[in-house]
């Protein structure tokens, strides 16, 4: 699976570099650091197979039930993927979805993303949206759609979200002691 992820990330990075070359604010896009890869699967059996295959290569793993499906966030232990990525997100497709499987997106992190909306608005011929997850308030990101793929630009990491989720559970437990 690691080889398959690396091959898909390398192909993605070629597309990303082509996108950067067409941007007026190249510096903004070049400063974005890829931190996570989102890999989508159709069936629970494939999700379980990948989860088990990657298990021994990870130091942290957490699964979240979100939007009618499981999502695993896996942090590699002593290795990294192409581009220095250490976080793998395995996602089942949402129920009724016909999304393609395989590499779905890369998460890009930068504190500059807080100003991304004004930067993205100035970019001509760029397909982007502001998105959020209705599960956890306060976490929005910008999705840039290009060459049949997606980049999620975030001023936080998926680990920040996991920490928030666990703190919320802990506060609920403490409130009901």
C-alpha atoms as a PDB file:
ATOM      1  CA  UNK A   1       0.000   0.000   0.000  1.00  0.00           C
ATOM      2  CA  UNK A   2       2.847   2.405   0.768  1.00  0.00           C
ATOM      3  CA  UNK A   3       4.152   2.026  -2.792  1.00  0.00           C
ATOM      4  CA  UNK A   4       0.675   2.662  -4.193  1.00  0.00           C
ATOM      5  CA  UNK A   5       0.271   5.764  -2.013  1.00  0.00           C
ATOM      6  CA  UNK A   6       3.689   7.101  -3.043  1.00  0.00           C
ATOM      7  CA  UNK A   7       2.967   6.559  -6.728  1.00  0.00           C
ATOM      8  CA  UNK A   8      -0.388   8.350  -6.444  1.00  0.00           C
ATOM      9  CA  UNK A   9       1.139  11.220  -4.429  1.00  0.00           C
ATOM     10  CA  UNK A  10       3.927  11.664  -6.984  1.00  0.00           C
ATOM     11  CA  UNK A  11       1.357  11.849  -9.791  1.00  0.00           C
ATOM     12  CA  UNK A  12      -0.664  14.327  -7.721  1.00  0.00           C
ATOM     13  CA  UNK A  13       2.416  16.473  -7.081  1.00  0.00           C
ATOM     14  CA  UNK A  14       3.028  16.726 -10.837  1.00  0.00           C
ATOM     15  CA  UNK A  15      -0.516  18.062 -11.262  1.00  0.00           C
ATOM     16  CA  UNK A  16      -0.004  20.403  -8.281  1.00  0.00           C
ATOM     17  CA  UNK A  17       3.157  21.861  -9.788  1.00  0.00           C
ATOM     18  CA  UNK A  18       1.305  22.485 -13.070  1.00  0.00           C
ATOM     19  CA  UNK A  19      -1.402  24.300 -11.118  1.00  0.00           C
ATOM     20  CA  UNK A  20       1.182  26.441  -9.295  1.00  0.00           C
ATOM     21  CA  UNK A  21       2.767  27.402 -12.613  1.00  0.00           C
ATOM     22  CA  UNK A  22      -0.545  28.943 -13.737  1.00  0.00           C
ATOM     23  CA  UNK A  23      -1.171  30.974 -10.558  1.00  0.00           C
ATOM     24  CA  UNK A  24      -0.516  34.668 -10.110  1.00  0.00           C
ATOM     25  CA  UNK A  25       0.391  34.207  -6.413  1.00  0.00           C
ATOM     26  CA  UNK A  26       2.826  31.334  -6.884  1.00  0.00           C
ATOM     27  CA  UNK A  27       4.476  32.007  -3.513  1.00  0.00           C
ATOM     28  CA  UNK A  28       1.268  31.293  -1.590  1.00  0.00           C
ATOM     29  CA  UNK A  29       0.783  27.928  -3.288  1.00  0.00           C
ATOM     30  CA  UNK A  30       4.464  26.990  -3.020  1.00  0.00           C
ATOM     31  CA  UNK A  31       4.417  27.685   0.742  1.00  0.00           C
ATOM     32  CA  UNK A  32       1.625  25.183   1.365  1.00  0.00           C
ATOM     33  CA  UNK A  33       2.994  22.019   2.977  1.00  0.00           C
ATOM     34  CA  UNK A  34       1.347  18.666   2.195  1.00  0.00           C
ATOM     35  CA  UNK A  35       0.673  16.961   5.519  1.00  0.00           C
ATOM     36  CA  UNK A  36      -1.936  14.271   4.878  1.00  0.00           C
ATOM     37  CA  UNK A  37      -3.211  12.081   2.080  1.00  0.00           C
ATOM     38  CA  UNK A  38      -6.872  11.133   1.827  1.00  0.00           C
ATOM     39  CA  UNK A  39      -7.469   7.690   0.314  1.00  0.00           C
ATOM     40  CA  UNK A  40     -11.050   6.708  -0.475  1.00  0.00           C
ATOM     41  CA  UNK A  41     -12.380   3.145  -0.598  1.00  0.00           C
ATOM     42  CA  UNK A  42     -15.767   1.839  -1.685  1.00  0.00           C
ATOM     43  CA  UNK A  43     -16.357  -1.051   0.674  1.00  0.00           C
ATOM     44  CA  UNK A  44     -15.828  -1.770   4.353  1.00  0.00           C
ATOM     45  CA  UNK A  45     -13.767  -4.852   3.487  1.00  0.00           C
ATOM     46  CA  UNK A  46     -11.232  -2.726   1.586  1.00  0.00           C
ATOM     47  CA  UNK A  47     -11.149  -0.215   4.436  1.00  0.00           C
ATOM     48  CA  UNK A  48     -10.402  -3.019   6.921  1.00  0.00           C
ATOM     49  CA  UNK A  49      -7.753  -4.537   4.632  1.00  0.00           C
ATOM     50  CA  UNK A  50      -5.865  -1.239   4.266  1.00  0.00           C
ATOM     51  CA  UNK A  51      -6.229  -0.441   7.959  1.00  0.00           C
ATOM     52  CA  UNK A  52      -4.751  -3.817   8.887  1.00  0.00           C
ATOM     53  CA  UNK A  53      -2.005  -3.589   6.258  1.00  0.00           C
ATOM     54  CA  UNK A  54      -0.836  -0.189   7.541  1.00  0.00           C
ATOM     55  CA  UNK A  55      -1.350  -0.903  11.243  1.00  0.00           C
ATOM     56  CA  UNK A  56       2.171  -2.039  12.126  1.00  0.00           C
ATOM     57  CA  UNK A  57       3.730   0.952  10.346  1.00  0.00           C
ATOM     58  CA  UNK A  58       1.871   3.494  12.476  1.00  0.00           C
ATOM     59  CA  UNK A  59       2.420   4.922  15.932  1.00  0.00           C
ATOM     60  CA  UNK A  60      -1.052   6.445  16.287  1.00  0.00           C
ATOM     61  CA  UNK A  61      -4.351   5.442  14.740  1.00  0.00           C
ATOM     62  CA  UNK A  62      -7.812   6.742  15.448  1.00  0.00           C
ATOM     63  CA  UNK A  63     -11.084   5.997  13.738  1.00  0.00           C
ATOM     64  CA  UNK A  64     -14.040   8.340  13.569  1.00  0.00           C
ATOM     65  CA  UNK A  65     -17.609   7.596  12.549  1.00  0.00           C
ATOM     66  CA  UNK A  66     -18.461  10.578  10.356  1.00  0.00           C
ATOM     67  CA  UNK A  67     -21.255  11.191   7.863  1.00  0.00           C
ATOM     68  CA  UNK A  68     -22.342   7.536   7.853  1.00  0.00           C
ATOM     69  CA  UNK A  69     -18.896   6.079   7.277  1.00  0.00           C
ATOM     70  CA  UNK A  70     -15.590   5.279   8.982  1.00  0.00           C
ATOM     71  CA  UNK A  71     -12.537   7.490   8.581  1.00  0.00           C
ATOM     72  CA  UNK A  72      -9.151   6.385   9.950  1.00  0.00           C
ATOM     73  CA  UNK A  73      -6.361   8.841  10.669  1.00  0.00           C
ATOM     74  CA  UNK A  74      -3.057   7.009  10.749  1.00  0.00           C
ATOM     75  CA  UNK A  75       0.291   8.571  11.659  1.00  0.00           C
ATOM     76  CA  UNK A  76       3.296   6.725  10.289  1.00  0.00           C
ATOM     77  CA  UNK A  77       5.924   5.710  12.820  1.00  0.00           C
ATOM     78  CA  UNK A  78       9.421   5.648  11.329  1.00  0.00           C
ATOM     79  CA  UNK A  79       8.740   6.519   7.730  1.00  0.00           C
ATOM     80  CA  UNK A  80       7.053   9.086   5.578  1.00  0.00           C
ATOM     81  CA  UNK A  81       5.400   9.168   2.203  1.00  0.00           C
ATOM     82  CA  UNK A  82       6.399  11.185  -0.851  1.00  0.00           C
ATOM     83  CA  UNK A  83       6.498  14.893  -0.064  1.00  0.00           C
ATOM     84  CA  UNK A  84       7.227  14.256   3.616  1.00  0.00           C
ATOM     85  CA  UNK A  85       3.637  13.220   4.386  1.00  0.00           C
ATOM     86  CA  UNK A  86       3.235  11.244   7.625  1.00  0.00           C
ATOM     87  CA  UNK A  87      -0.582  11.146   7.946  1.00  0.00           C
ATOM     88  CA  UNK A  88      -2.830   8.796   6.000  1.00  0.00           C
ATOM     89  CA  UNK A  89      -6.593   9.165   6.062  1.00  0.00           C
ATOM     90  CA  UNK A  90      -8.499   6.106   4.889  1.00  0.00           C
ATOM     91  CA  UNK A  91     -12.092   7.033   4.146  1.00  0.00           C
ATOM     92  CA  UNK A  92     -15.038   4.923   3.192  1.00  0.00           C
ATOM     93  CA  UNK A  93     -17.245   6.565   0.602  1.00  0.00           C
ATOM     94  CA  UNK A  94     -20.335   8.180   2.062  1.00  0.00           C
ATOM     95  CA  UNK A  95     -23.493   6.087   1.728  1.00  0.00           C
ATOM     96  CA  UNK A  96     -25.013   6.380  -1.755  1.00  0.00           C
ATOM     97  CA  UNK A  97     -21.828   8.050  -3.067  1.00  0.00           C
ATOM     98  CA  UNK A  98     -20.280   7.101  -6.379  1.00  0.00           C
ATOM     99  CA  UNK A  99     -17.036   9.047  -5.747  1.00  0.00           C
ATOM    100  CA  UNK A 100     -13.971   7.557  -7.347  1.00  0.00           C
ATOM    101  CA  UNK A 101     -11.750   5.439  -5.137  1.00  0.00           C
ATOM    102  CA  UNK A 102      -8.027   5.862  -4.556  1.00  0.00           C
ATOM    103  CA  UNK A 103      -6.269   9.135  -3.873  1.00  0.00           C
ATOM    104  CA  UNK A 104      -9.018  11.609  -3.051  1.00  0.00           C
ATOM    105  CA  UNK A 105      -7.056  14.662  -1.904  1.00  0.00           C
ATOM    106  CA  UNK A 106      -4.039  16.026  -0.083  1.00  0.00           C
ATOM    107  CA  UNK A 107      -4.350  18.240   2.974  1.00  0.00           C
ATOM    108  CA  UNK A 108      -2.078  21.271   2.800  1.00  0.00           C
ATOM    109  CA  UNK A 109      -1.218  23.192   5.952  1.00  0.00           C
ATOM    110  CA  UNK A 110      -0.096  26.761   6.354  1.00  0.00           C
ATOM    111  CA  UNK A 111      -0.913  29.537   8.777  1.00  0.00           C
ATOM    112  CA  UNK A 112      -1.234  31.665   5.608  1.00  0.00           C
ATOM    113  CA  UNK A 113      -4.457  29.775   4.841  1.00  0.00           C
ATOM    114  CA  UNK A 114      -6.227  32.170   7.208  1.00  0.00           C
ATOM    115  CA  UNK A 115      -5.838  34.757   4.422  1.00  0.00           C
ATOM    116  CA  UNK A 116      -6.564  32.245   1.663  1.00  0.00           C
ATOM    117  CA  UNK A 117      -9.994  33.513   0.726  1.00  0.00           C
ATOM    118  CA  UNK A 118      -8.701  36.909  -0.375  1.00  0.00           C
ATOM    119  CA  UNK A 119      -5.833  35.229  -2.243  1.00  0.00           C
ATOM    120  CA  UNK A 120      -8.079  32.662  -3.943  1.00  0.00           C
ATOM    121  CA  UNK A 121     -10.593  35.336  -4.982  1.00  0.00           C
ATOM    122  CA  UNK A 122      -7.834  37.129  -6.909  1.00  0.00           C
ATOM    123  CA  UNK A 123      -6.824  33.982  -8.802  1.00  0.00           C
ATOM    124  CA  UNK A 124      -8.433  33.782 -12.230  1.00  0.00           C
ATOM    125  CA  UNK A 125      -9.794  30.495 -13.549  1.00  0.00           C
ATOM    126  CA  UNK A 126      -9.426  28.684 -10.231  1.00  0.00           C
ATOM    127  CA  UNK A 127     -12.173  26.352  -9.060  1.00  0.00           C
ATOM    128  CA  UNK A 128     -12.377  26.553  -5.263  1.00  0.00           C
ATOM    129  CA  UNK A 129     -14.965  26.340  -2.500  1.00  0.00           C
ATOM    130  CA  UNK A 130     -15.160  27.053   1.213  1.00  0.00           C
ATOM    131  CA  UNK A 131     -16.117  23.900   3.093  1.00  0.00           C
ATOM    132  CA  UNK A 132     -16.762  22.733   6.625  1.00  0.00           C
ATOM    133  CA  UNK A 133     -17.715  19.615   8.454  1.00  0.00           C
ATOM    134  CA  UNK A 134     -21.011  19.735  10.293  1.00  0.00           C
ATOM    135  CA  UNK A 135     -19.595  17.388  12.941  1.00  0.00           C
ATOM    136  CA  UNK A 136     -17.145  19.852  14.527  1.00  0.00           C
ATOM    137  CA  UNK A 137     -17.782  23.594  14.584  1.00  0.00           C
ATOM    138  CA  UNK A 138     -15.037  26.054  13.762  1.00  0.00           C
ATOM    139  CA  UNK A 139     -13.076  23.960  11.295  1.00  0.00           C
ATOM    140  CA  UNK A 140     -13.378  25.338   7.791  1.00  0.00           C
ATOM    141  CA  UNK A 141     -11.064  24.813   4.858  1.00  0.00           C
ATOM    142  CA  UNK A 142     -10.744  25.785   1.232  1.00  0.00           C
ATOM    143  CA  UNK A 143     -10.953  23.088  -1.408  1.00  0.00           C
ATOM    144  CA  UNK A 144      -9.156  23.746  -4.667  1.00  0.00           C
ATOM    145  CA  UNK A 145     -10.361  21.519  -7.505  1.00  0.00           C
ATOM    146  CA  UNK A 146      -7.962  20.841 -10.371  1.00  0.00           C
ATOM    147  CA  UNK A 147      -7.116  18.130 -12.876  1.00  0.00           C
ATOM    148  CA  UNK A 148      -9.687  15.651 -11.472  1.00  0.00           C
ATOM    149  CA  UNK A 149      -8.432  15.967  -7.876  1.00  0.00           C
ATOM    150  CA  UNK A 150      -8.653  18.163  -4.789  1.00  0.00           C
ATOM    151  CA  UNK A 151      -6.367  20.093  -2.459  1.00  0.00           C
ATOM    152  CA  UNK A 152      -7.702  20.932   0.994  1.00  0.00           C
ATOM    153  CA  UNK A 153      -6.038  24.086   2.312  1.00  0.00           C
ATOM    154  CA  UNK A 154      -6.187  24.242   6.093  1.00  0.00           C
ATOM    155  CA  UNK A 155      -4.796  26.472   8.860  1.00  0.00           C
ATOM    156  CA  UNK A 156      -4.907  23.409  11.154  1.00  0.00           C
ATOM    157  CA  UNK A 157      -4.094  19.715  10.887  1.00  0.00           C
ATOM    158  CA  UNK A 158      -6.276  16.623  11.106  1.00  0.00           C
ATOM    159  CA  UNK A 159      -4.520  16.007  14.434  1.00  0.00           C
ATOM    160  CA  UNK A 160      -5.987  19.273  15.758  1.00  0.00           C
ATOM    161  CA  UNK A 161      -9.423  17.900  14.937  1.00  0.00           C
ATOM    162  CA  UNK A 162      -8.704  14.567  16.642  1.00  0.00           C
ATOM    163  CA  UNK A 163      -7.520  16.401  19.766  1.00  0.00           C
ATOM    164  CA  UNK A 164     -10.703  18.496  19.763  1.00  0.00           C
ATOM    165  CA  UNK A 165     -12.899  15.401  19.331  1.00  0.00           C
ATOM    166  CA  UNK A 166     -11.178  13.622  22.222  1.00  0.00           C
ATOM    167  CA  UNK A 167     -11.378  16.709  24.453  1.00  0.00           C
ATOM    168  CA  UNK A 168     -15.111  16.961  23.735  1.00  0.00           C
ATOM    169  CA  UNK A 169     -15.595  13.314  24.737  1.00  0.00           C
ATOM    170  CA  UNK A 170     -13.512  13.844  27.866  1.00  0.00           C
ATOM    171  CA  UNK A 171     -15.510  16.944  28.857  1.00  0.00           C
ATOM    172  CA  UNK A 172     -18.737  14.994  28.375  1.00  0.00           C
ATOM    173  CA  UNK A 173     -17.428  12.205  30.631  1.00  0.00           C
ATOM    174  CA  UNK A 174     -16.271  14.667  33.285  1.00  0.00           C
ATOM    175  CA  UNK A 175     -19.629  16.469  33.225  1.00  0.00           C
ATOM    176  CA  UNK A 176     -21.419  13.198  33.983  1.00  0.00           C
ATOM    177  CA  UNK A 177     -19.267  11.914  36.848  1.00  0.00           C
END
